[in-house]
PDB file of all heavy atoms in Angstrom:
ATOM      1  N   ARG A   1      -4.690 -61.415  95.412  1.00  0.00           N
ATOM      2  CA  ARG A   1      -4.590 -61.507  93.936  1.00  0.00           C
ATOM      3  C   ARG A   1      -3.243 -60.993  93.471  1.00  0.00           C
ATOM      4  O   ARG A   1      -2.619 -60.180  94.113  1.00  0.00           O
ATOM      5  CB  ARG A   1      -5.706 -60.708  93.278  1.00  0.00           C
ATOM      6  CG  ARG A   1      -7.076 -61.214  93.680  1.00  0.00           C
ATOM      7  CD  ARG A   1      -8.121 -60.760  92.703  1.00  0.00           C
ATOM      8  NE  ARG A   1      -9.416 -61.317  92.950  1.00  0.00           N
ATOM      9  CZ  ARG A   1      -9.845 -62.498  92.562  1.00  0.00           C
ATOM     10  NH1 ARG A   1      -9.044 -63.295  91.888  1.00  0.00           N
ATOM     11  NH2 ARG A   1     -11.077 -62.904  92.835  1.00  0.00           N
ATOM     12  N   THR A   2      -2.812 -61.498  92.321  1.00  0.00           N
ATOM     13  CA  THR A   2      -1.536 -61.092  91.717  1.00  0.00           C
ATOM     14  C   THR A   2      -1.809 -60.721  90.262  1.00  0.00           C
ATOM     15  O   THR A   2      -2.597 -61.377  89.576  1.00  0.00           O
ATOM     16  CB  THR A   2      -0.535 -62.267  91.766  1.00  0.00           C
ATOM     17  OG1 THR A   2      -0.358 -62.650  93.141  1.00  0.00           O
ATOM     18  CG2 THR A   2       0.814 -61.871  91.199  1.00  0.00           C
ATOM     19  N   TRP A   3      -1.100 -59.667  89.767  1.00  0.00           N
ATOM     20  CA  TRP A   3      -1.246 -59.253  88.380  1.00  0.00           C
ATOM     21  C   TRP A   3      -0.004 -58.522  87.936  1.00  0.00           C
ATOM     22  O   TRP A   3       0.825 -58.088  88.745  1.00  0.00           O
ATOM     23  CB  TRP A   3      -2.511 -58.410  88.182  1.00  0.00           C
ATOM     24  CG  TRP A   3      -2.529 -57.066  88.849  1.00  0.00           C
ATOM     25  CD1 TRP A   3      -2.266 -55.862  88.275  1.00  0.00           C
ATOM     26  CD2 TRP A   3      -2.810 -56.780  90.215  1.00  0.00           C
ATOM     27  NE1 TRP A   3      -2.383 -54.845  89.186  1.00  0.00           N
ATOM     28  CE2 TRP A   3      -2.727 -55.376  90.376  1.00  0.00           C
ATOM     29  CE3 TRP A   3      -3.153 -57.541  91.321  1.00  0.00           C
ATOM     30  CZ2 TRP A   3      -2.966 -54.745  91.600  1.00  0.00           C
ATOM     31  CZ3 TRP A   3      -3.363 -56.931  92.526  1.00  0.00           C
ATOM     32  CH2 TRP A   3      -3.267 -55.553  92.673  1.00  0.00           C
ATOM     33  N   GLY A   4       0.133 -58.371  86.622  1.00  0.00           N
ATOM     34  CA  GLY A   4       1.252 -57.671  86.059  1.00  0.00           C
ATOM     35  C   GLY A   4       0.823 -56.322  85.498  1.00  0.00           C
ATOM     36  O   GLY A   4      -0.305 -56.164  85.055  1.00  0.00           O
ATOM     37  N   ARG A   5       1.742 -55.383  85.543  1.00  0.00           N
ATOM     38  CA  ARG A   5       1.485 -54.041  85.001  1.00  0.00           C
ATOM     39  C   ARG A   5       2.745 -53.528  84.317  1.00  0.00           C
ATOM     40  O   ARG A   5       3.847 -53.692  84.855  1.00  0.00           O
ATOM     41  CB  ARG A   5       1.059 -53.110  86.111  1.00  0.00           C
ATOM     42  CG  ARG A   5       0.744 -51.704  85.631  1.00  0.00           C
ATOM     43  CD  ARG A   5       0.354 -50.789  86.754  1.00  0.00           C
ATOM     44  NE  ARG A   5      -0.964 -51.159  87.285  1.00  0.00           N
ATOM     45  CZ  ARG A   5      -1.462 -50.696  88.414  1.00  0.00           C
ATOM     46  NH1 ARG A   5      -0.767 -49.848  89.162  1.00  0.00           N
ATOM     47  NH2 ARG A   5      -2.656 -51.078  88.828  1.00  0.00           N
ATOM     48  N   SER A   6       2.555 -52.891  83.185  1.00  0.00           N
ATOM     49  CA  SER A   6       3.667 -52.249  82.518  1.00  0.00           C
ATOM     50  C   SER A   6       3.285 -50.809  82.223  1.00  0.00           C
ATOM     51  O   SER A   6       2.249 -50.543  81.586  1.00  0.00           O
ATOM     52  CB  SER A   6       4.007 -52.969  81.206  1.00  0.00           C
ATOM     53  OG  SER A   6       5.164 -52.440  80.638  1.00  0.00           O
ATOM     54  N   TYR A   7       4.084 -49.885  82.754  1.00  0.00           N
ATOM     55  CA  TYR A   7       3.919 -48.459  82.450  1.00  0.00           C
ATOM     56  C   TYR A   7       4.802 -48.188  81.254  1.00  0.00           C
ATOM     57  O   TYR A   7       5.925 -48.673  81.187  1.00  0.00           O
ATOM     58  CB  TYR A   7       4.417 -47.597  83.609  1.00  0.00           C
ATOM     59  CG  TYR A   7       3.663 -47.824  84.911  1.00  0.00           C
ATOM     60  CD1 TYR A   7       4.162 -48.690  85.877  1.00  0.00           C
ATOM     61  CD2 TYR A   7       2.488 -47.131  85.150  1.00  0.00           C
ATOM     62  CE1 TYR A   7       3.483 -48.884  87.065  1.00  0.00           C
ATOM     63  CE2 TYR A   7       1.800 -47.334  86.354  1.00  0.00           C
ATOM     64  CZ  TYR A   7       2.304 -48.208  87.304  1.00  0.00           C
ATOM     65  OH  TYR A   7       1.634 -48.386  88.484  1.00  0.00           O
ATOM     66  N   TYR A   8       4.322 -47.378  80.312  1.00  0.00           N
ATOM     67  CA  TYR A   8       5.116 -47.116  79.119  1.00  0.00           C
ATOM     68  C   TYR A   8       4.915 -45.678  78.623  1.00  0.00           C
ATOM     69  O   TYR A   8       3.949 -45.001  78.985  1.00  0.00           O
ATOM     70  CB  TYR A   8       4.732 -48.103  77.984  1.00  0.00           C
ATOM     71  CG  TYR A   8       3.278 -47.998  77.574  1.00  0.00           C
ATOM     72  CD1 TYR A   8       2.885 -47.016  76.672  1.00  0.00           C
ATOM     73  CD2 TYR A   8       2.356 -48.818  78.104  1.00  0.00           C
ATOM     74  CE1 TYR A   8       1.554 -46.891  76.315  1.00  0.00           C
ATOM     75  CE2 TYR A   8       1.012 -48.727  77.724  1.00  0.00           C
ATOM     76  CZ  TYR A   8       0.619 -47.753  76.847  1.00  0.00           C
ATOM     77  OH  TYR A   8      -0.692 -47.636  76.484  1.00  0.00           O
ATOM     78  N   ARG A   9       5.833 -45.289  77.774  1.00  0.00           N
ATOM     79  CA  ARG A   9       5.748 -44.043  77.017  1.00  0.00           C
ATOM     80  C   ARG A   9       6.245 -44.335  75.624  1.00  0.00           C
ATOM     81  O   ARG A   9       7.405 -44.759  75.463  1.00  0.00           O
ATOM     82  CB  ARG A   9       6.590 -42.943  77.676  1.00  0.00           C
ATOM     83  CG  ARG A   9       6.495 -41.630  76.893  1.00  0.00           C
ATOM     84  CD  ARG A   9       7.018 -40.491  77.689  1.00  0.00           C
ATOM     85  NE  ARG A   9       6.047 -40.224  78.732  1.00  0.00           N
ATOM     86  CZ  ARG A   9       6.246 -39.394  79.725  1.00  0.00           C
ATOM     87  NH1 ARG A   9       7.360 -38.716  79.803  1.00  0.00           N
ATOM     88  NH2 ARG A   9       5.337 -39.197  80.628  1.00  0.00           N
ATOM     89  N   ASN A  10       5.380 -44.216  74.630  1.00  0.00           N
ATOM     90  CA  ASN A  10       5.721 -44.545  73.264  1.00  0.00           C
ATOM     91  C   ASN A  10       6.202 -43.301  72.513  1.00  0.00           C
ATOM     92  O   ASN A  10       5.399 -42.503  72.031  1.00  0.00           O
ATOM     93  CB  ASN A  10       4.487 -45.144  72.549  1.00  0.00           C
ATOM     94  CG  ASN A  10       4.777 -45.491  71.105  1.00  0.00           C
ATOM     95  OD1 ASN A  10       5.898 -45.399  70.630  1.00  0.00           O
ATOM     96  ND2 ASN A  10       3.753 -45.894  70.402  1.00  0.00           N
ATOM     97  N   THR A  11       7.485 -43.135  72.393  1.00  0.00           N
ATOM     98  CA  THR A  11       8.058 -42.021  71.694  1.00  0.00           C
ATOM     99  C   THR A  11       8.504 -42.376  70.269  1.00  0.00           C
ATOM    100  O   THR A  11       9.183 -41.601  69.621  1.00  0.00           O
ATOM    101  CB  THR A  11       9.278 -41.472  72.473  1.00  0.00           C
ATOM    102  OG1 THR A  11      10.234 -42.544  72.620  1.00  0.00           O
ATOM    103  CG2 THR A  11       8.867 -40.948  73.849  1.00  0.00           C
ATOM    104  N   SER A  12       8.056 -43.545  69.773  1.00  0.00           N
ATOM    105  CA  SER A  12       8.492 -44.018  68.469  1.00  0.00           C
ATOM    106  C   SER A  12       7.807 -43.303  67.325  1.00  0.00           C
ATOM    107  O   SER A  12       8.276 -43.368  66.188  1.00  0.00           O
ATOM    108  CB  SER A  12       8.205 -45.535  68.348  1.00  0.00           C
ATOM    109  OG  SER A  12       6.822 -45.763  68.233  1.00  0.00           O
ATOM    110  N   GLY A  13       6.672 -42.667  67.587  1.00  0.00           N
ATOM    111  CA  GLY A  13       5.963 -41.955  66.549  1.00  0.00           C
ATOM    112  C   GLY A  13       4.993 -42.846  65.750  1.00  0.00           C
ATOM    113  O   GLY A  13       4.405 -42.387  64.781  1.00  0.00           O
ATOM    114  N   ARG A  14       4.842 -44.091  66.135  1.00  0.00           N
ATOM    115  CA  ARG A  14       3.907 -45.009  65.456  1.00  0.00           C
ATOM    116  C   ARG A  14       3.232 -45.909  66.433  1.00  0.00           C
ATOM    117  O   ARG A  14       3.759 -46.174  67.521  1.00  0.00           O
ATOM    118  CB  ARG A  14       4.630 -45.780  64.367  1.00  0.00           C
ATOM    119  CG  ARG A  14       5.760 -46.633  64.916  1.00  0.00           C
ATOM    120  CD  ARG A  14       6.517 -47.280  63.802  1.00  0.00           C
ATOM    121  NE  ARG A  14       7.728 -47.853  64.330  1.00  0.00           N
ATOM    122  CZ  ARG A  14       8.612 -48.482  63.593  1.00  0.00           C
ATOM    123  NH1 ARG A  14       8.423 -48.610  62.310  1.00  0.00           N
ATOM    124  NH2 ARG A  14       9.692 -48.961  64.123  1.00  0.00           N
ATOM    125  N   PRO A  15       2.030 -46.400  66.088  1.00  0.00           N
ATOM    126  CA  PRO A  15       1.345 -47.305  67.003  1.00  0.00           C
ATOM    127  C   PRO A  15       2.133 -48.615  67.166  1.00  0.00           C
ATOM    128  O   PRO A  15       2.786 -49.069  66.228  1.00  0.00           O
ATOM    129  CB  PRO A  15       0.017 -47.623  66.281  1.00  0.00           C
ATOM    130  CG  PRO A  15      -0.116 -46.553  65.245  1.00  0.00           C
ATOM    131  CD  PRO A  15       1.249 -46.101  64.899  1.00  0.00           C
ATOM    132  N   LEU A  16       2.064 -49.190  68.355  1.00  0.00           N
ATOM    133  CA  LEU A  16       2.782 -50.424  68.666  1.00  0.00           C
ATOM    134  C   LEU A  16       1.818 -51.416  69.294  1.00  0.00           C
ATOM    135  O   LEU A  16       0.673 -51.080  69.616  1.00  0.00           O
ATOM    136  CB  LEU A  16       3.937 -50.142  69.617  1.00  0.00           C
ATOM    137  CG  LEU A  16       4.986 -49.147  69.166  1.00  0.00           C
ATOM    138  CD1 LEU A  16       5.979 -48.867  70.284  1.00  0.00           C
ATOM    139  CD2 LEU A  16       5.679 -49.623  67.921  1.00  0.00           C
ATOM    140  N   GLU A  17       2.308 -52.637  69.493  1.00  0.00           N
ATOM    141  CA  GLU A  17       1.553 -53.653  70.224  1.00  0.00           C
ATOM    142  C   GLU A  17       2.436 -54.168  71.338  1.00  0.00           C
ATOM    143  O   GLU A  17       3.642 -54.339  71.171  1.00  0.00           O
ATOM    144  CB  GLU A  17       1.175 -54.786  69.289  1.00  0.00           C
ATOM    145  CG  GLU A  17       0.323 -55.833  69.964  1.00  0.00           C
ATOM    146  CD  GLU A  17      -0.172 -56.877  69.013  1.00  0.00           C
ATOM    147  OE1 GLU A  17       0.554 -57.869  68.805  1.00  0.00           O
ATOM    148  OE2 GLU A  17      -1.270 -56.682  68.467  1.00  0.00           O
ATOM    149  N   ALA A  18       1.813 -54.395  72.503  1.00  0.00           N
ATOM    150  CA  ALA A  18       2.560 -54.957  73.636  1.00  0.00           C
ATOM    151  C   ALA A  18       1.927 -56.291  74.017  1.00  0.00           C
ATOM    152  O   ALA A  18       0.705 -56.479  73.919  1.00  0.00           O
ATOM    153  CB  ALA A  18       2.496 -54.003  74.816  1.00  0.00           C
ATOM    154  N   VAL A  19       2.759 -57.216  74.464  1.00  0.00           N
ATOM    155  CA  VAL A  19       2.310 -58.453  75.042  1.00  0.00           C
ATOM    156  C   VAL A  19       2.892 -58.508  76.457  1.00  0.00           C
ATOM    157  O   VAL A  19       4.096 -58.451  76.620  1.00  0.00           O
ATOM    158  CB  VAL A  19       2.757 -59.701  74.227  1.00  0.00           C
ATOM    159  CG1 VAL A  19       2.356 -60.977  74.944  1.00  0.00           C
ATOM    160  CG2 VAL A  19       2.201 -59.634  72.813  1.00  0.00           C
ATOM    161  N   LEU A  20       2.006 -58.540  77.443  1.00  0.00           N
ATOM    162  CA  LEU A  20       2.410 -58.571  78.855  1.00  0.00           C
ATOM    163  C   LEU A  20       2.097 -59.953  79.397  1.00  0.00           C
ATOM    164  O   LEU A  20       0.954 -60.431  79.288  1.00  0.00           O
ATOM    165  CB  LEU A  20       1.645 -57.506  79.641  1.00  0.00           C
ATOM    166  CG  LEU A  20       1.871 -57.477  81.148  1.00  0.00           C
ATOM    167  CD1 LEU A  20       3.336 -57.287  81.532  1.00  0.00           C
ATOM    168  CD2 LEU A  20       1.007 -56.401  81.783  1.00  0.00           C
ATOM    169  N   THR A  21       3.113 -60.616  79.952  1.00  0.00           N
ATOM    170  CA  THR A  21       2.972 -61.947  80.480  1.00  0.00           C
ATOM    171  C   THR A  21       3.387 -61.987  81.936  1.00  0.00           C
ATOM    172  O   THR A  21       4.466 -61.472  82.292  1.00  0.00           O
ATOM    173  CB  THR A  21       3.844 -62.956  79.690  1.00  0.00           C
ATOM    174  OG1 THR A  21       3.501 -62.844  78.298  1.00  0.00           O
ATOM    175  CG2 THR A  21       3.619 -64.372  80.154  1.00  0.00           C
ATOM    176  N   VAL A  22       2.566 -62.613  82.781  1.00  0.00           N
ATOM    177  CA  VAL A  22       2.897 -62.834  84.188  1.00  0.00           C
ATOM    178  C   VAL A  22       3.108 -64.346  84.326  1.00  0.00           C
ATOM    179  O   VAL A  22       2.274 -65.139  83.902  1.00  0.00           O
ATOM    180  CB  VAL A  22       1.798 -62.376  85.146  1.00  0.00           C
ATOM    181  CG1 VAL A  22       2.130 -62.771  86.574  1.00  0.00           C
ATOM    182  CG2 VAL A  22       1.614 -60.885  85.043  1.00  0.00           C
ATOM    183  N   MET A  23       4.269 -64.712  84.897  1.00  0.00           N
ATOM    184  CA  MET A  23       4.594 -66.125  85.110  1.00  0.00           C
ATOM    185  C   MET A  23       4.573 -66.389  86.604  1.00  0.00           C
ATOM    186  O   MET A  23       5.148 -65.637  87.368  1.00  0.00           O
ATOM    187  CB  MET A  23       5.954 -66.421  84.509  1.00  0.00           C
ATOM    188  CG  MET A  23       5.921 -66.284  82.984  1.00  0.00           C
ATOM    189  SD  MET A  23       7.485 -65.697  82.249  1.00  0.00           S
ATOM    190  CE  MET A  23       7.526 -64.003  82.770  1.00  0.00           C
ATOM    191  N   GLY A  24       3.892 -67.487  86.981  1.00  0.00           N
ATOM    192  CA  GLY A  24       3.753 -67.825  88.380  1.00  0.00           C
ATOM    193  C   GLY A  24       4.203 -69.230  88.680  1.00  0.00           C
ATOM    194  O   GLY A  24       4.793 -69.906  87.807  1.00  0.00           O
ATOM    195  N   PRO A  25       3.919 -69.713  89.867  1.00  0.00           N
ATOM    196  CA  PRO A  25       4.330 -71.048  90.251  1.00  0.00           C
ATOM    197  C   PRO A  25       3.692 -72.122  89.389  1.00  0.00           C
ATOM    198  O   PRO A  25       2.611 -71.909  88.814  1.00  0.00           O
ATOM    199  CB  PRO A  25       3.863 -71.167  91.710  1.00  0.00           C
ATOM    200  CG  PRO A  25       3.202 -69.896  92.060  1.00  0.00           C
ATOM    201  CD  PRO A  25       3.186 -69.022  90.898  1.00  0.00           C
ATOM    202  N   ALA A  26       4.342 -73.259  89.284  1.00  0.00           N
ATOM    203  CA  ALA A  26       3.854 -74.451  88.570  1.00  0.00           C
ATOM    204  C   ALA A  26       3.601 -74.177  87.098  1.00  0.00           C
ATOM    205  O   ALA A  26       2.717 -74.747  86.491  1.00  0.00           O
ATOM    206  CB  ALA A  26       2.604 -74.999  89.249  1.00  0.00           C
ATOM    207  N   GLY A  27       4.382 -73.253  86.520  1.00  0.00           N
ATOM    208  CA  GLY A  27       4.268 -72.962  85.099  1.00  0.00           C
ATOM    209  C   GLY A  27       3.020 -72.220  84.683  1.00  0.00           C
ATOM    210  O   GLY A  27       2.715 -72.104  83.496  1.00  0.00           O
TER     211      GLY A  27
END
């Protein structure tokens, strides 16, 4: 199996939204 992961630290002081995309073969 294959998957994407993003580790983060939000120091902005406000809630945020993230969009994580994994791109593989054949689009």
